[in-house]
Amino acid sequence: MKLFRGCLALLGILSGAACERAKPAAAGDSAHANAPAGADTAAAALPARDWDPSAGPVLLVVGETPARAYVVLPEAASAATELARIPHPASVTLFGRGGTVQTAELPAVSDSGACPAASLSAAPPPRPWNVGFVGGVVSPIGMDSTESISHGDSVSIVAAVTRLASAMPNDSAGRFTGLPFVVRSIWRFNILNGPQVVVANLARQINQEATPLAERTLLVAERNGTDTTLTTAYSERSYGNEENIETRDVLAAALLGGARIPALIVAHDYGDATAYGLVERGADGRWRARWASAKRHC
């Protein structure tokens, strides 16, 4: 498995380099950059912290162990109000990235300032999970990782997402132009009666001695029916010092509310802090950043 991951990263490098030389896309999995949903969509789409109430009063994120949960509040300024909305005890539903579901009980929340947390109880004890919800109307979407995607599909998807990433605007100084990409992770899932969605994390780096610079890209791409062409649907990109650049990880995919709106729950790691966000696919078929939590320095 380690050898396969190494091959995946190497393929991302080779595909990115080929893309910068404007070679045509592979026949098995072509790529098309969708200009209206281009680079850095989150920068323009994240002005308000608009939590989706259909997901319940708070978001739970797994802690140091599956029996420990961090409680992420929709609005940090109203912590006491938000915590008071959680029943004691509360029944919670826990989702894994692959679509696993389990239930547990949250007896109480310890309000430790900006970092409330809780212990979960269940028999048997909770197994590994990523995100959890207290009430709400939420159902999981199982995502396939590179480990479960066939080698042939992985190769073509890597080639496609590196082409899409290279079509996004570079930093204003153009420092990353022409540099190859490394594909760090790929997740794939299907929306019922809708497109197939591919979520990829890509990286590029400038290895200068004093201050190594890095670029991190979260890319959401779609393809419909029998069409093999992946099209950019949403993206976030950041640049900065390698040690504290913002990185992103998709924790789970879910359907929210009675309208069953597809959403991604995303973790944002800033090195010394972490935040969480919801990216939803609206009725118009466009992905948008819906909500972002305050940064947690804990």
Protein backbone atom coordinates (compact mmCIF):
# COMPACT_ATOMS: atom_id res chain seq x y z
CA MET A 1 0.00 0.00 0.00
CA LYS A 2 2.90 2.40 0.80
CA LEU A 3 4.36 1.63 -2.61
CA PHE A 4 1.01 2.46 -4.26
CA ARG A 5 0.79 5.79 -2.42
CA GLY A 6 4.33 6.59 -3.52
CA CYS A 7 3.36 5.84 -7.10
CA LEU A 8 0.29 8.03 -6.74
CA ALA A 9 2.38 11.01 -5.60
CA LEU A 10 4.96 10.41 -8.33
CA LEU A 11 2.21 10.21 -10.92
CA GLY A 12 0.85 13.52 -9.63
CA ILE A 13 4.28 15.08 -10.17
CA LEU A 14 4.61 13.71 -13.67
CA SER A 15 1.04 14.62 -14.61
CA GLY A 16 1.46 18.16 -13.28
CA ALA A 17 4.65 18.67 -15.25
CA ALA A 18 3.06 17.36 -18.42
CA CYS A 19 0.10 19.63 -17.87
CA GLU A 20 2.28 22.71 -17.65
CA ARG A 21 3.63 21.80 -21.09
CA ALA A 22 0.02 21.86 -22.38
CA LYS A 23 -0.16 18.24 -23.43
CA PRO A 24 -3.66 16.96 -24.27
CA ALA A 25 -5.68 15.21 -21.59
CA ALA A 26 -5.67 11.44 -21.45
CA ALA A 27 -8.53 9.85 -23.33
CA GLY A 28 -9.69 7.82 -20.34
CA ASP A 29 -10.28 10.79 -18.04
CA SER A 30 -10.17 14.23 -19.57
CA ALA A 31 -10.37 17.48 -17.68
CA HIS A 32 -12.06 20.77 -18.34
CA ALA A 33 -11.60 23.93 -16.30
CA ASN A 34 -14.90 25.59 -15.49
CA ALA A 35 -14.20 29.32 -15.38
CA PRO A 36 -17.24 30.49 -13.35
CA ALA A 37 -16.23 28.24 -10.44
CA GLY A 38 -12.53 28.94 -10.78
CA ALA A 39 -9.71 29.34 -8.30
CA ASP A 40 -10.08 30.61 -4.77
CA THR A 41 -13.88 30.47 -4.79
CA ALA A 42 -13.84 30.28 -1.00
CA ALA A 43 -12.16 33.66 -0.75
CA ALA A 44 -15.19 35.26 -2.40
CA ALA A 45 -17.85 32.97 -0.96
CA LEU A 46 -17.04 33.00 2.76
CA PRO A 47 -18.12 36.45 4.04
CA ALA A 48 -20.67 35.16 6.57
CA ARG A 49 -20.59 32.31 9.06
CA ASP A 50 -23.97 30.91 8.10
CA TRP A 51 -24.35 27.55 9.80
CA ASP A 52 -26.91 25.20 8.25
CA PRO A 53 -29.50 24.65 11.03
CA SER A 54 -30.60 21.36 9.47
CA ALA A 55 -27.31 19.92 10.75
CA GLY A 56 -28.32 20.49 14.37
CA PRO A 57 -27.06 22.99 16.94
CA VAL A 58 -23.34 22.11 16.82
CA LEU A 59 -20.73 20.11 14.91
CA LEU A 60 -18.81 17.35 16.65
CA VAL A 61 -15.29 16.45 15.55
CA VAL A 62 -13.42 13.40 16.80
CA GLY A 63 -10.92 14.13 19.57
CA GLU A 64 -7.82 12.31 20.73
CA THR A 65 -9.80 9.03 20.88
CA PRO A 66 -13.15 7.91 19.40
CA ALA A 67 -14.68 8.36 22.85
CA ARG A 68 -13.77 12.06 22.91
CA ALA A 69 -15.45 14.79 20.83
CA TYR A 70 -14.60 18.43 20.22
CA VAL A 71 -17.71 20.60 20.13
CA VAL A 72 -17.53 23.18 17.34
CA LEU A 73 -20.00 26.03 17.77
CA PRO A 74 -21.71 27.82 14.88
CA GLU A 75 -20.94 31.18 16.52
CA ALA A 76 -18.14 31.52 19.05
CA ALA A 77 -19.64 34.76 20.36
CA SER A 78 -22.75 32.92 21.58
CA ALA A 79 -21.08 29.91 23.16
CA ALA A 80 -23.29 29.80 26.25
CA THR A 81 -26.46 30.00 24.17
CA GLU A 82 -25.33 27.32 21.73
CA LEU A 83 -24.22 24.93 24.47
CA ALA A 84 -27.52 25.43 26.29
CA ARG A 85 -29.34 24.10 23.21
CA ILE A 86 -27.69 20.68 23.60
CA PRO A 87 -29.82 18.24 25.63
CA HIS A 88 -28.19 16.57 28.65
CA PRO A 89 -27.71 13.79 27.86
CA ALA A 90 -27.85 14.04 24.09
CA SER A 91 -28.05 11.29 21.50
CA VAL A 92 -25.46 11.86 18.77
CA THR A 93 -24.83 10.33 15.35
CA LEU A 94 -21.25 9.77 14.26
CA PHE A 95 -20.14 9.51 10.62
CA GLY A 96 -16.97 8.11 9.11
CA ARG A 97 -15.57 9.25 5.78
CA GLY A 98 -16.53 5.97 4.17
CA GLY A 99 -20.19 6.40 5.13
CA THR A 100 -20.17 4.41 8.39
CA VAL A 101 -22.79 5.41 10.98
CA GLN A 102 -22.90 4.80 14.71
CA THR A 103 -24.73 6.31 17.65
CA ALA A 104 -23.54 7.32 21.08
CA GLU A 105 -24.62 9.37 24.05
CA LEU A 106 -23.12 12.71 25.01
CA PRO A 107 -23.77 13.10 28.76
CA ALA A 108 -22.50 16.67 29.10
CA VAL A 109 -20.16 19.23 27.54
CA SER A 110 -17.22 20.63 29.46
CA ASP A 111 -17.08 24.32 28.58
CA SER A 112 -13.35 25.05 28.57
CA GLY A 113 -13.51 28.53 27.10
CA ALA A 114 -13.11 28.51 23.32
CA CYS A 115 -12.58 24.74 23.20
CA PRO A 116 -15.61 22.89 24.58
CA ALA A 117 -15.29 19.10 24.52
CA ALA A 118 -17.24 16.07 25.61
CA SER A 119 -16.82 12.40 26.39
CA LEU A 120 -19.02 9.96 24.51
CA SER A 121 -20.50 6.77 25.90
CA ALA A 122 -21.74 3.77 23.96
CA ALA A 123 -21.84 0.00 24.28
CA PRO A 124 -19.65 -1.15 22.66
CA PRO A 125 -17.41 1.95 22.86
CA PRO A 126 -17.36 4.22 19.79
CA ARG A 127 -15.26 3.05 16.87
CA PRO A 128 -13.23 5.48 14.73
CA TRP A 129 -15.34 8.31 13.27
CA ASN A 130 -14.76 11.81 11.90
CA VAL A 131 -17.76 14.08 12.44
CA GLY A 132 -20.90 13.92 14.54
CA PHE A 133 -24.25 15.64 14.85
CA VAL A 134 -26.74 16.27 17.65
CA GLY A 135 -30.17 15.83 16.12
CA GLY A 136 -30.60 17.55 12.79
CA VAL A 137 -31.57 15.95 9.49
CA VAL A 138 -28.30 14.52 8.23
CA SER A 139 -27.36 11.35 6.36
CA PRO A 140 -23.87 10.26 5.31
CA ILE A 141 -22.44 9.94 1.82
CA GLY A 142 -19.83 7.19 1.60
CA MET A 143 -16.61 8.27 -0.11
CA ASP A 144 -14.12 6.00 -1.86
CA SER A 145 -10.45 6.70 -1.18
CA THR A 146 -7.44 5.93 -3.36
CA GLU A 147 -7.08 2.64 -1.51
CA SER A 148 -10.48 1.44 -2.76
CA ILE A 149 -10.37 2.97 -6.25
CA SER A 150 -8.93 0.71 -8.94
CA HIS A 151 -5.40 1.44 -10.09
CA GLY A 152 -6.57 2.36 -13.59
CA ASP A 153 -9.17 4.82 -12.27
CA SER A 154 -6.66 6.32 -9.84
CA VAL A 155 -4.17 6.93 -12.63
CA SER A 156 -6.73 8.69 -14.83
CA ILE A 157 -8.19 10.74 -11.95
CA VAL A 158 -4.74 11.91 -10.85
CA ALA A 159 -3.96 13.00 -14.40
CA ALA A 160 -7.27 14.87 -14.64
CA VAL A 161 -7.12 16.72 -11.31
CA THR A 162 -3.54 17.87 -11.90
CA ARG A 163 -4.63 19.31 -15.24
CA LEU A 164 -7.50 21.13 -13.57
CA ALA A 165 -5.29 22.44 -10.77
CA SER A 166 -2.70 23.73 -13.23
CA ALA A 167 -5.44 25.71 -15.04
CA MET A 168 -6.16 27.70 -11.87
CA PRO A 169 -4.49 31.11 -11.42
CA ASN A 170 -1.11 31.08 -9.68
CA ASP A 171 0.01 33.43 -6.93
CA SER A 172 0.39 37.04 -8.04
CA ALA A 173 4.18 36.73 -8.27
CA GLY A 174 3.92 33.62 -10.44
CA ARG A 175 6.38 31.76 -8.25
CA PHE A 176 4.66 28.39 -8.63
CA THR A 177 4.08 28.57 -12.37
CA GLY A 178 5.39 25.45 -14.08
CA LEU A 179 6.09 23.54 -10.86
CA PRO A 180 4.75 19.97 -10.65
CA PHE A 181 1.93 18.93 -8.36
CA VAL A 182 1.90 16.15 -5.80
CA VAL A 183 -1.55 14.64 -5.23
CA ARG A 184 -1.87 14.10 -1.49
CA SER A 185 -5.32 12.54 -1.38
CA ILE A 186 -8.30 11.73 -3.58
CA TRP A 187 -11.88 10.96 -2.51
CA ARG A 188 -14.78 10.08 -4.78
CA PHE A 189 -18.54 9.76 -4.29
CA ASN A 190 -21.79 9.80 -6.26
CA ILE A 191 -24.77 12.08 -5.82
CA LEU A 192 -28.06 10.24 -6.38
CA ASN A 193 -29.48 11.28 -9.77
CA GLY A 194 -26.57 13.67 -10.05
CA PRO A 195 -22.88 13.78 -10.93
CA GLN A 196 -19.91 11.85 -9.65
CA VAL A 197 -17.79 14.07 -7.42
CA VAL A 198 -14.01 13.88 -7.00
CA VAL A 199 -12.30 15.74 -4.15
CA ALA A 200 -8.51 16.11 -4.32
CA ASN A 201 -5.79 17.70 -2.22
CA LEU A 202 -2.74 18.82 -4.18
CA ALA A 203 0.53 20.47 -3.20
CA ARG A 204 3.44 22.30 -4.78
CA GLN A 205 6.59 23.49 -3.10
CA ILE A 206 9.55 25.82 -3.60
CA ASN A 207 12.54 24.39 -1.72
CA GLN A 208 14.47 27.58 -1.06
CA GLU A 209 16.85 27.35 1.87
CA ALA A 210 15.78 30.25 4.08
CA THR A 211 11.98 30.14 3.86
CA PRO A 212 10.56 27.17 1.93
CA LEU A 213 7.29 28.19 0.27
CA ALA A 214 4.30 25.94 -0.33
CA GLU A 215 1.01 25.97 -2.16
CA ARG A 216 -1.99 23.88 -1.11
CA THR A 217 -5.07 23.30 -3.28
CA LEU A 218 -8.43 21.75 -2.43
CA LEU A 219 -10.22 20.87 -5.65
CA VAL A 220 -13.79 19.61 -6.12
CA ALA A 221 -14.53 18.30 -9.63
CA GLU A 222 -17.58 16.67 -11.20
CA ARG A 223 -18.52 14.54 -14.17
CA ASN A 224 -22.00 13.53 -15.33
CA GLY A 225 -23.32 10.18 -16.56
CA THR A 226 -21.05 8.45 -19.03
CA ASP A 227 -19.03 11.62 -19.67
CA THR A 228 -15.42 10.99 -18.61
CA THR A 229 -14.58 14.71 -18.50
CA LEU A 230 -13.94 16.12 -15.03
CA THR A 231 -14.89 19.78 -14.61
CA THR A 232 -13.81 22.08 -11.80
CA ALA A 233 -16.78 22.73 -9.50
CA TYR A 234 -15.08 24.40 -6.50
CA SER A 235 -11.57 25.19 -5.33
CA GLU A 236 -9.60 26.73 -2.50
CA ARG A 237 -5.90 27.58 -2.74
CA SER A 238 -3.42 29.03 -0.28
CA TYR A 239 0.23 30.05 -0.41
CA GLY A 240 2.76 30.67 2.31
CA ASN A 241 5.56 29.45 4.50
CA GLU A 242 5.74 25.66 4.52
CA GLU A 243 5.50 25.53 8.31
CA ASN A 244 2.26 27.44 8.78
CA ILE A 245 0.44 27.37 5.45
CA GLU A 246 -3.28 26.59 5.64
CA THR A 247 -4.02 22.98 4.73
CA ARG A 248 -7.42 21.36 4.28
CA ASP A 249 -8.82 17.90 4.85
CA VAL A 250 -12.29 16.66 3.93
CA LEU A 251 -13.64 14.89 7.01
CA ALA A 252 -16.89 13.61 5.54
CA ALA A 253 -19.62 14.14 2.96
CA ALA A 254 -23.28 14.30 3.95
CA LEU A 255 -26.79 15.16 2.82
CA LEU A 256 -28.35 17.97 4.87
CA GLY A 257 -32.00 18.73 5.54
CA GLY A 258 -35.18 17.59 3.86
CA ALA A 259 -33.83 18.84 0.54
CA ARG A 260 -30.85 16.46 0.98
CA ILE A 261 -28.27 19.07 0.05
CA PRO A 262 -24.84 17.52 -0.61
CA ALA A 263 -22.19 19.02 1.66
CA LEU A 264 -18.54 18.56 2.54
CA ILE A 265 -17.28 19.03 6.09
CA VAL A 266 -13.76 20.43 5.79
CA ALA A 267 -11.03 20.87 8.42
CA HIS A 268 -8.71 23.87 8.01
CA ASP A 269 -5.33 23.47 9.72
CA TYR A 270 -3.29 26.66 10.26
CA GLY A 271 -0.46 25.06 12.19
CA ASP A 272 -1.28 26.72 15.52
CA ALA A 273 -5.06 26.63 15.11
CA THR A 274 -7.87 24.68 13.46
CA ALA A 275 -11.20 25.70 11.97
CA TYR A 276 -14.01 23.81 10.29
CA GLY A 277 -16.30 24.62 7.39
CA LEU A 278 -19.29 23.49 5.34
CA VAL A 279 -19.17 23.56 1.54
CA GLU A 280 -22.59 22.87 0.01
CA ARG A 281 -23.87 22.10 -3.47
CA GLY A 282 -26.91 24.26 -4.10
CA ALA A 283 -30.00 23.53 -6.19
CA ASP A 284 -28.30 25.36 -9.07
CA GLY A 285 -25.52 22.76 -9.08
CA ARG A 286 -22.85 25.14 -7.78
CA TRP A 287 -20.65 24.37 -4.77
CA ARG A 288 -20.29 27.27 -2.29
CA ALA A 289 -18.68 27.76 1.10
CA ARG A 290 -21.67 27.94 3.46
CA TRP A 291 -20.06 28.36 6.87
CA ALA A 292 -16.71 28.57 8.63
CA SER A 293 -16.11 28.22 12.36
CA ALA A 294 -13.88 30.42 14.43
CA LYS A 295 -10.29 29.23 14.79
CA ARG A 296 -9.68 26.91 17.71
CA HIS A 297 -6.30 27.31 19.41
CA CYS A 298 -6.49 24.02 21.27
